[in-house]
Amino acid sequence: MDAKVVWKSGLGFDGTADSGFTLPLGGYNEKGSQNDGFRPVELLAIGLAGCTAMDVISILEKKCLQVTAFEVTVHAIRAEEHPKVFTQAELFFRITGKDIDSKSVERAIELSSTKYCPASAMLGKAFPITTRYEIIEG
């Protein structure tokens, strides 16, 4: 995989990768940067959530479960001092659907965490990642 960022101005960049999509990166500093895009560290959290979400929803759909809504939230704690790395994170899965059984959800999350999600595998070597879930009937 290849990726690059191209400077626009201040702390603003456009990021691209092999997929061809463009993503704005931005920041804020006292020199008047525009604050016009994602912070790079935010993308690490989004990447973690997206990676595991794609795994889990794929597994739940293969089990023919009737999922009507699905989201994954990441709550990451960062160190107080620079470089302000993540020190821990919690993934919260909210699954809405009809007759969703908890064992299937737990197994899907486990498979993503231990076998399929490269973001979890990489980031989990740097800090602990915990998971929890909620099933909403509807």
Protein backbone atom coordinates (compact mmCIF):
# COMPACT_ATOMS: atom_id res chain seq x y z
CA MET A 1 0.00 0.00 0.00
CA ASP A 2 1.16 3.50 -0.81
CA ALA A 3 -0.16 6.75 0.64
CA LYS A 4 0.87 10.40 0.45
CA VAL A 5 -0.05 13.83 1.67
CA VAL A 6 0.24 17.01 -0.39
CA TRP A 7 0.60 20.34 1.36
CA LYS A 8 -2.03 23.01 0.69
CA SER A 9 -1.07 25.75 3.21
CA GLY A 10 -0.49 26.21 6.92
CA LEU A 11 -1.13 22.78 8.44
CA GLY A 12 -3.55 21.77 5.67
CA PHE A 13 -2.84 18.72 3.51
CA ASP A 14 -4.76 16.43 1.19
CA GLY A 15 -4.14 12.75 1.78
CA THR A 16 -4.55 10.02 -0.81
CA ALA A 17 -3.84 6.30 -0.99
CA ASP A 18 -4.18 3.43 -3.45
CA SER A 19 -7.99 3.66 -3.36
CA GLY A 20 -7.78 7.06 -5.05
CA PHE A 21 -9.95 8.91 -2.53
CA THR A 22 -8.84 12.24 -1.10
CA LEU A 23 -9.09 13.13 2.57
CA PRO A 24 -8.46 16.58 4.05
CA LEU A 25 -5.98 16.80 6.93
CA GLY A 26 -5.79 19.90 9.04
CA GLY A 27 -4.64 21.34 12.26
CA TYR A 28 -4.63 24.47 14.25
CA ASN A 29 -1.72 26.52 15.50
CA GLU A 30 -1.07 30.07 16.52
CA LYS A 31 0.16 30.98 13.03
CA GLY A 32 -3.40 30.87 11.70
CA SER A 33 -3.78 27.45 10.15
CA GLN A 34 -7.25 26.88 8.82
CA ASN A 35 -8.36 23.95 11.01
CA ASP A 36 -9.80 22.49 7.81
CA GLY A 37 -9.51 18.73 8.07
CA PHE A 38 -9.05 15.63 10.15
CA ARG A 39 -6.19 15.49 12.62
CA PRO A 40 -3.91 12.58 11.67
CA VAL A 41 -4.32 10.93 15.08
CA GLU A 42 -8.12 11.07 14.64
CA LEU A 43 -7.67 8.96 11.54
CA LEU A 44 -5.96 6.27 13.61
CA ALA A 45 -9.09 6.00 15.76
CA ILE A 46 -11.39 6.11 12.73
CA GLY A 47 -9.26 3.47 11.02
CA LEU A 48 -9.51 1.20 14.05
CA ALA A 49 -13.30 1.64 14.22
CA GLY A 50 -13.73 1.17 10.48
CA CYS A 51 -11.53 -1.90 10.26
CA THR A 52 -13.30 -3.79 13.04
CA ALA A 53 -16.75 -2.55 11.95
CA MET A 54 -16.27 -4.01 8.46
CA ASP A 55 -15.23 -7.34 9.95
CA VAL A 56 -18.06 -7.54 12.46
CA ILE A 57 -20.85 -6.52 10.09
CA SER A 58 -19.56 -8.97 7.46
CA ILE A 59 -19.59 -11.82 10.00
CA LEU A 60 -23.06 -10.91 11.28
CA GLU A 61 -24.42 -10.74 7.72
CA LYS A 62 -22.87 -14.15 6.90
CA LYS A 63 -24.78 -15.51 9.91
CA CYS A 64 -27.94 -14.10 8.26
CA LEU A 65 -28.72 -11.91 11.26
CA GLN A 66 -31.23 -9.13 10.66
CA VAL A 67 -29.09 -6.09 11.50
CA THR A 68 -30.88 -2.82 10.76
CA ALA A 69 -28.34 -0.36 12.23
CA PHE A 70 -24.75 -0.72 13.34
CA GLU A 71 -22.09 1.61 14.68
CA VAL A 72 -18.74 1.40 16.39
CA THR A 73 -17.47 4.14 18.70
CA VAL A 74 -13.85 4.44 19.78
CA HIS A 75 -12.99 6.15 23.04
CA ALA A 76 -9.22 6.58 23.14
CA ILE A 77 -7.23 7.93 26.07
CA ARG A 78 -4.11 9.90 25.18
CA ALA A 79 -0.99 10.59 27.21
CA GLU A 80 -0.74 14.05 28.78
CA GLU A 81 2.78 14.66 27.45
CA HIS A 82 4.04 14.76 23.88
CA PRO A 83 3.89 12.80 21.70
CA LYS A 84 0.44 12.24 23.33
CA VAL A 85 0.13 8.65 22.16
CA PHE A 86 -2.95 6.55 22.80
CA THR A 87 -2.54 4.75 26.11
CA GLN A 88 -5.76 2.72 25.91
CA ALA A 89 -8.94 2.49 23.86
CA GLU A 90 -12.41 1.05 24.15
CA LEU A 91 -14.45 -0.06 21.15
CA PHE A 92 -18.21 0.13 21.71
CA PHE A 93 -20.40 -1.76 19.23
CA ARG A 94 -24.08 -0.79 19.00
CA ILE A 95 -26.10 -3.32 17.01
CA THR A 96 -29.78 -2.82 16.24
CA GLY A 97 -31.88 -5.53 14.69
CA LYS A 98 -34.38 -8.33 15.09
CA ASP A 99 -33.49 -11.33 17.26
CA ILE A 100 -29.74 -10.59 17.37
CA ASP A 101 -28.14 -13.12 19.71
CA SER A 102 -25.30 -12.07 21.98
CA LYS A 103 -23.15 -15.15 21.30
CA SER A 104 -22.97 -14.29 17.59
CA VAL A 105 -22.03 -10.69 18.39
CA GLU A 106 -19.36 -11.76 20.88
CA ARG A 107 -17.87 -14.24 18.41
CA ALA A 108 -17.83 -11.67 15.59
CA ILE A 109 -16.04 -9.13 17.81
CA GLU A 110 -13.59 -11.79 18.98
CA LEU A 111 -12.77 -12.87 15.41
CA SER A 112 -12.22 -9.27 14.36
CA SER A 113 -10.01 -8.57 17.39
CA THR A 114 -7.91 -11.73 17.17
CA LYS A 115 -7.88 -12.77 13.53
CA TYR A 116 -9.09 -10.32 10.89
CA CYS A 117 -8.55 -6.65 11.75
CA PRO A 118 -4.99 -5.49 11.00
CA ALA A 119 -5.64 -2.15 12.74
CA SER A 120 -6.53 -3.95 15.98
CA ALA A 121 -3.52 -6.23 15.62
CA MET A 122 -1.09 -3.34 15.09
CA LEU A 123 -2.51 -0.86 17.58
CA GLY A 124 -3.13 -3.57 20.17
CA LYS A 125 0.64 -4.06 20.37
CA ALA A 126 1.01 -0.43 21.46
CA PHE A 127 -1.85 -0.09 23.97
CA PRO A 128 -4.72 -2.16 25.42
CA ILE A 129 -7.97 -2.22 23.45
CA THR A 130 -11.13 -3.35 25.22
CA THR A 131 -14.54 -4.02 23.70
CA ARG A 132 -18.13 -3.90 24.80
CA TYR A 133 -21.42 -4.02 22.95
CA GLU A 134 -25.11 -3.25 23.16
CA ILE A 135 -27.88 -5.00 21.26
CA ILE A 136 -31.02 -2.99 20.61
CA GLU A 137 -34.14 -4.85 19.54
CA GLY A 138 -35.86 -3.07 16.69
